[in-house]
Protein backbone atom coordinates (compact mmCIF):
# COMPACT_ATOMS: atom_id res chain seq x y z
CA UNK A 1 -55.42 18.34 53.41
CA UNK A 2 -55.49 16.52 50.12
CA UNK A 3 -53.76 18.72 47.56
CA UNK A 4 -54.73 18.82 43.91
CA UNK A 5 -51.07 18.47 42.98
CA UNK A 6 -50.22 18.37 39.31
CA UNK A 7 -47.21 18.43 37.08
CA UNK A 8 -47.64 18.29 33.33
CA UNK A 9 -48.75 14.75 32.40
CA UNK A 10 -46.22 12.06 33.22
CA UNK A 11 -44.27 11.16 30.11
CA UNK A 12 -45.50 14.28 28.34
CA UNK A 13 -42.53 16.58 28.90
CA UNK A 14 -39.93 14.29 27.23
CA UNK A 15 -42.28 13.78 24.30
CA UNK A 16 -42.90 17.51 24.02
CA UNK A 17 -39.14 17.99 23.95
CA UNK A 18 -38.79 15.61 21.01
CA UNK A 19 -41.80 17.06 19.21
CA UNK A 20 -40.92 20.69 19.71
CA UNK A 21 -37.15 20.33 19.04
CA UNK A 22 -34.25 21.26 21.27
CA UNK A 23 -34.58 24.68 22.78
CA UNK A 24 -31.81 27.15 21.99
CA UNK A 25 -31.52 30.79 22.90
CA UNK A 26 -29.86 33.45 20.77
CA UNK A 27 -29.35 37.10 21.61
CA UNK A 28 -30.97 36.67 25.00
CA UNK A 29 -30.78 39.09 27.90
CA UNK A 30 -31.47 37.81 31.40
CA UNK A 31 -32.99 39.92 34.14
CA UNK A 32 -32.05 43.49 33.27
CA UNK A 33 -33.17 46.13 35.72
CA UNK A 34 -36.91 45.51 36.24
CA UNK A 35 -37.68 49.20 35.80
CA UNK A 36 -36.03 49.21 32.36
CA UNK A 37 -37.90 49.46 29.09
CA UNK A 38 -37.16 46.20 27.32
CA UNK A 39 -35.97 46.76 23.76
CA UNK A 40 -38.54 45.28 21.37
CA UNK A 41 -35.82 44.06 19.01
CA UNK A 42 -34.21 41.95 21.73
CA UNK A 43 -35.15 38.60 23.30
CA UNK A 44 -35.39 38.40 27.08
CA UNK A 45 -35.67 35.57 29.59
CA UNK A 46 -36.68 37.17 32.86
CA UNK A 47 -37.03 35.39 36.18
CA UNK A 48 -38.89 36.29 39.35
CA UNK A 49 -40.28 39.59 38.12
CA UNK A 50 -42.56 41.10 40.75
CA UNK A 51 -46.12 41.99 39.82
CA UNK A 52 -47.17 42.85 43.39
CA UNK A 53 -45.81 43.63 46.83
CA UNK A 54 -46.04 40.09 48.22
CA UNK A 55 -42.97 37.88 47.84
CA UNK A 56 -45.11 35.17 46.23
CA UNK A 57 -46.31 37.54 43.50
CA UNK A 58 -43.53 36.70 41.05
CA UNK A 59 -43.45 35.47 37.49
CA UNK A 60 -40.98 34.35 34.85
CA UNK A 61 -41.30 36.10 31.49
CA UNK A 62 -40.16 35.20 28.00
CA UNK A 63 -40.16 38.07 25.51
CA UNK A 64 -39.33 37.18 21.89
CA UNK A 65 -37.20 39.39 19.71
CA UNK A 66 -38.94 41.75 17.29
CA UNK A 67 -42.18 41.75 19.22
CA UNK A 68 -44.87 44.40 18.97
CA UNK A 69 -48.39 45.24 20.08
CA UNK A 70 -49.69 42.19 18.18
CA UNK A 71 -47.45 39.70 20.03
CA UNK A 72 -49.67 37.22 21.87
CA UNK A 73 -48.97 35.91 25.35
CA UNK A 74 -49.20 32.39 26.79
CA UNK A 75 -50.03 32.42 30.51
CA UNK A 76 -49.03 29.38 32.61
CA UNK A 77 -50.82 28.80 35.94
CA UNK A 78 -49.56 25.96 38.11
CA UNK A 79 -51.59 23.61 40.29
CA UNK A 80 -51.16 22.44 43.86
CA UNK A 81 -54.53 22.50 45.57
CA UNK A 82 -54.53 26.32 45.76
CA UNK A 83 -52.24 25.97 48.80
CA UNK A 84 -49.11 24.54 47.17
CA UNK A 85 -47.23 24.15 43.92
CA UNK A 86 -44.84 26.50 42.15
CA UNK A 87 -44.23 27.98 38.72
CA UNK A 88 -41.21 25.68 38.47
CA UNK A 89 -43.71 22.88 37.77
CA UNK A 90 -44.29 24.50 34.36
CA UNK A 91 -40.69 25.39 33.45
CA UNK A 92 -40.40 22.54 30.97
CA UNK A 93 -43.67 23.52 29.33
CA UNK A 94 -42.48 27.13 29.10
CA UNK A 95 -39.27 26.04 27.34
CA UNK A 96 -41.20 23.80 24.95
CA UNK A 97 -43.60 26.59 24.05
CA UNK A 98 -40.65 28.92 23.42
CA UNK A 99 -39.23 26.42 20.96
CA UNK A 100 -42.46 25.68 19.13
CA UNK A 101 -44.00 29.17 19.21
CA UNK A 102 -40.93 31.45 19.16
CA UNK A 103 -42.93 34.57 18.26
CA UNK A 104 -45.22 34.36 21.30
CA UNK A 105 -44.45 35.83 24.70
CA UNK A 106 -44.92 33.67 27.81
CA UNK A 107 -45.49 34.35 31.49
CA UNK A 108 -45.28 31.63 34.13
CA UNK A 109 -46.78 32.92 37.36
CA UNK A 110 -46.62 32.22 41.04
CA UNK A 111 -49.57 33.42 43.09
CA UNK A 112 -50.24 33.87 46.78
CA UNK A 113 -50.87 30.42 48.23
CA UNK A 114 -54.01 29.77 50.22
CA UNK A 115 -54.60 28.84 53.85
CA UNK A 116 -57.83 28.53 55.79
CA UNK A 117 -57.03 31.91 57.33
CA UNK A 118 -56.43 33.38 53.87
CA UNK A 119 -58.43 31.40 51.27
CA UNK A 120 -57.64 31.21 47.57
CA UNK A 121 -60.64 33.26 46.49
CA UNK A 122 -60.54 36.07 45.62
CA UNK A 123 -56.83 36.74 46.11
CA UNK A 124 -55.61 34.28 43.45
CA UNK A 125 -57.98 35.73 40.85
CA UNK A 126 -56.67 39.17 41.84
CA UNK A 127 -53.12 37.87 41.33
CA UNK A 128 -53.88 36.65 37.81
CA UNK A 129 -55.32 40.07 36.99
CA UNK A 130 -52.27 41.81 38.46
CA UNK A 131 -49.89 39.62 36.46
CA UNK A 132 -51.78 40.31 33.24
CA UNK A 133 -51.85 44.03 34.01
CA UNK A 134 -48.07 43.97 34.51
CA UNK A 135 -47.27 42.16 31.26
CA UNK A 136 -49.60 44.56 29.40
CA UNK A 137 -47.46 47.58 30.35
CA UNK A 138 -45.89 49.36 27.35
CA UNK A 139 -42.36 48.51 28.47
CA UNK A 140 -42.88 44.84 27.52
CA UNK A 141 -44.14 45.60 23.98
CA UNK A 142 -46.70 42.78 23.76
CA UNK A 143 -50.45 42.56 23.24
CA UNK A 144 -53.21 42.01 25.79
CA UNK A 145 -54.28 38.81 24.06
CA UNK A 146 -53.81 35.77 26.28
CA UNK A 147 -54.16 32.00 26.13
CA UNK A 148 -54.20 30.38 29.56
CA UNK A 149 -52.61 27.01 30.33
CA UNK A 150 -53.76 25.71 33.71
CA UNK A 151 -53.35 22.37 35.44
CA UNK A 152 -55.50 21.11 38.35
CA UNK A 153 -56.06 24.10 40.65
CA UNK A 154 -54.40 26.18 37.93
CA UNK A 155 -56.94 24.89 35.44
CA UNK A 156 -59.71 25.92 37.81
CA UNK A 157 -58.21 29.40 38.24
CA UNK A 158 -57.72 29.79 34.47
CA UNK A 159 -61.36 29.01 33.78
CA UNK A 160 -62.71 31.03 36.70
CA UNK A 161 -60.74 34.11 35.67
CA UNK A 162 -61.61 33.84 31.97
CA UNK A 163 -65.30 33.09 32.45
CA UNK A 164 -65.99 35.42 35.36
CA UNK A 165 -63.35 38.15 35.64
CA UNK A 166 -62.28 39.14 32.13
CA UNK A 167 -64.93 41.67 31.07
CA UNK A 168 -62.85 42.93 28.15
CA UNK A 169 -62.36 39.38 26.83
CA UNK A 170 -58.59 39.50 26.59
CA UNK A 171 -58.41 35.73 27.13
CA UNK A 172 -58.72 34.11 23.71
CA UNK A 173 -58.47 30.47 24.75
CA UNK A 174 -57.99 28.07 27.66
CA UNK A 175 -56.09 24.80 27.84
CA UNK A 176 -57.43 23.11 30.98
CA UNK A 177 -55.89 19.91 32.33
CA UNK A 178 -57.81 18.20 35.17
CA UNK A 179 -59.19 21.47 36.47
CA UNK A 180 -62.13 21.41 38.94
CA UNK A 181 -65.05 23.05 37.16
CA UNK A 182 -68.11 22.78 39.41
CA UNK A 183 -67.71 22.69 43.18
CA UNK A 184 -71.49 22.24 43.60
CA UNK A 185 -71.13 18.73 42.14
CA UNK A 186 -72.43 16.19 44.72
CA UNK A 187 -69.40 14.06 43.86
CA UNK A 188 -67.39 16.81 45.55
CA UNK A 189 -69.77 18.02 48.24
CA UNK A 190 -70.91 14.59 49.43
CA UNK A 191 -67.47 13.00 49.48
CA UNK A 192 -65.57 13.44 52.78
CA UNK A 193 -62.29 13.07 50.91
CA UNK A 194 -62.78 16.59 49.56
CA UNK A 195 -64.10 18.27 52.71
CA UNK A 196 -60.76 19.93 53.46
CA UNK A 197 -60.63 21.54 50.00
CA UNK A 198 -63.48 23.99 50.55
CA UNK A 199 -62.15 26.01 53.53
CA UNK A 200 -58.88 26.62 51.65
CA UNK A 201 -60.70 27.70 48.52
CA UNK A 202 -63.37 29.98 50.02
CA UNK A 203 -64.17 31.60 53.33
CA UNK A 204 -66.76 29.52 55.19
CA UNK A 205 -66.03 26.30 53.29
CA UNK A 206 -69.01 24.07 52.60
CA UNK A 207 -71.29 26.38 54.61
CA UNK A 208 -70.82 29.12 52.04
CA UNK A 209 -73.17 27.98 49.27
CA UNK A 210 -73.10 31.30 47.45
CA UNK A 211 -69.32 31.24 47.55
CA UNK A 212 -69.19 27.70 46.18
CA UNK A 213 -71.33 28.75 43.24
CA UNK A 214 -69.21 31.85 42.70
CA UNK A 215 -65.98 29.82 42.41
CA UNK A 216 -67.45 27.18 40.08
CA UNK A 217 -66.28 28.02 36.52
CA UNK A 218 -68.97 25.92 34.86
CA UNK A 219 -71.59 28.16 36.47
CA UNK A 220 -69.86 31.30 35.13
CA UNK A 221 -69.87 30.30 31.45
CA UNK A 222 -71.55 32.73 29.03
CA UNK A 223 -71.82 32.95 25.26
CA UNK A 224 -68.80 35.27 25.35
CA UNK A 225 -66.54 32.74 27.10
CA UNK A 226 -63.35 31.81 25.21
CA UNK A 227 -62.76 28.53 23.38
CA UNK A 228 -61.72 25.82 25.83
CA UNK A 229 -59.93 22.49 25.48
CA UNK A 230 -59.89 20.08 28.42
CA UNK A 231 -58.27 16.81 29.42
CA UNK A 232 -59.35 14.56 32.30
CA UNK A 233 -58.66 11.05 33.59
CA UNK A 234 -61.46 8.59 34.30
CA UNK A 235 -59.61 7.22 37.35
CA UNK A 236 -58.57 10.58 38.82
CA UNK A 237 -58.66 10.27 42.65
CA UNK A 238 -58.60 14.05 43.14
CA UNK A 239 -61.01 15.45 40.55
CA UNK A 240 -64.28 13.55 39.93
CA UNK A 241 -64.71 12.52 36.30
CA UNK A 242 -68.14 14.22 36.34
CA UNK A 243 -66.34 17.58 36.27
CA UNK A 244 -65.67 17.29 32.55
CA UNK A 245 -69.31 16.84 31.56
CA UNK A 246 -70.48 19.62 33.87
CA UNK A 247 -68.03 22.03 32.25
CA UNK A 248 -68.51 21.08 28.63
CA UNK A 249 -72.28 20.80 28.90
CA UNK A 250 -72.26 24.44 30.03
CA UNK A 251 -69.98 25.44 27.16
CA UNK A 252 -72.16 23.61 24.65
CA UNK A 253 -75.33 25.17 26.07
CA UNK A 254 -73.84 28.63 25.52
CA UNK A 255 -72.50 27.91 22.04
CA UNK A 256 -68.83 28.18 23.06
CA UNK A 257 -66.34 26.19 21.00
CA UNK A 258 -64.84 23.41 23.11
CA UNK A 259 -63.08 20.08 23.03
CA UNK A 260 -63.03 17.54 25.85
CA UNK A 261 -61.01 14.34 26.19
CA UNK A 262 -61.44 11.74 28.92
CA UNK A 263 -58.50 9.35 29.09
CA UNK A 264 -59.77 5.97 30.24
CA UNK A 265 -57.93 4.50 33.21
CA UNK A 266 -55.81 7.62 33.65
CA UNK A 267 -55.45 9.46 36.93
CA UNK A 268 -54.58 13.04 37.79
CA UNK A 269 -52.66 13.88 34.64
CA UNK A 270 -50.51 10.74 34.53
CA UNK A 271 -51.21 9.95 30.89
CA UNK A 272 -49.47 7.03 29.17
CA UNK A 273 -47.43 7.55 26.01
CA UNK A 274 -50.32 7.17 23.59
CA UNK A 275 -52.51 9.48 25.66
CA UNK A 276 -49.67 12.01 25.94
CA UNK A 277 -49.16 12.03 22.18
CA UNK A 278 -52.88 12.53 21.68
CA UNK A 279 -52.91 15.37 24.21
CA UNK A 280 -50.00 17.14 22.52
CA UNK A 281 -51.50 16.83 19.06
CA UNK A 282 -54.82 18.26 20.21
CA UNK A 283 -53.18 21.16 22.05
CA UNK A 284 -51.10 22.10 19.01
CA UNK A 285 -54.15 22.07 16.73
CA UNK A 286 -56.11 24.13 19.26
CA UNK A 287 -53.36 26.76 19.61
CA UNK A 288 -52.85 26.90 15.86
CA UNK A 289 -56.56 27.48 15.33
CA UNK A 290 -57.20 30.03 18.06
CA UNK A 291 -53.92 31.70 18.99
CA UNK A 292 -51.65 32.13 15.98
């Protein structure tokens, strides 16, 4: 199977490190007893906190000091073709966000990986909901306001959850990098390269037309959908470039604020230095506008 593997854009992490300054931790507490109530005055860096019974239902959590019910939460959702990848792919991003937005909480989640016998949908959407339910518990002392960062399959899951499975509109923004947005696109369905993707994503694969529509975020957009910023590469071998227009045309049609950038000649997130700098600058402005 061809995986939609993704790590944050090549060259982007070192630049983020320079832009966001060196990360330092003061007064941190690592992995106290999970059942404990975490003191709101203290900073915590928690690893592999369970949000479900399955061993893959784990997340890393950053809780800033002096947080309260207004403290907003970044949610990081890794890629990997729904059947691979790991939250470790986003560790550098998590550390950069801690440095640049020290008053925000962050969760970096693993989810149950998909197989043809156990497809991604709906279990991975259920996992996102379970992780958000966990971090919203009073013991963490944060708000239920979320901004989702997703890459590749994680971008798809971020959009699908926010557009279709967040009735209370807790998601306030989405940063989507090379996320599949419309699986009904003929550039997906009619290309044999992608035929192995569908059975891992949904039961019945390409024979399940209703299921394909259900898991296509662009078809789930409404006027209440959250602001969305997206980045794609014109030479991406894994996600057709038509996915960007299908998504942002739907957002525009529903009056949802959005930004979309297509990097010419770029592939599946491997931006060059100039493209990486542009990506960072746009993300920072987006977060500052919608999630401060």
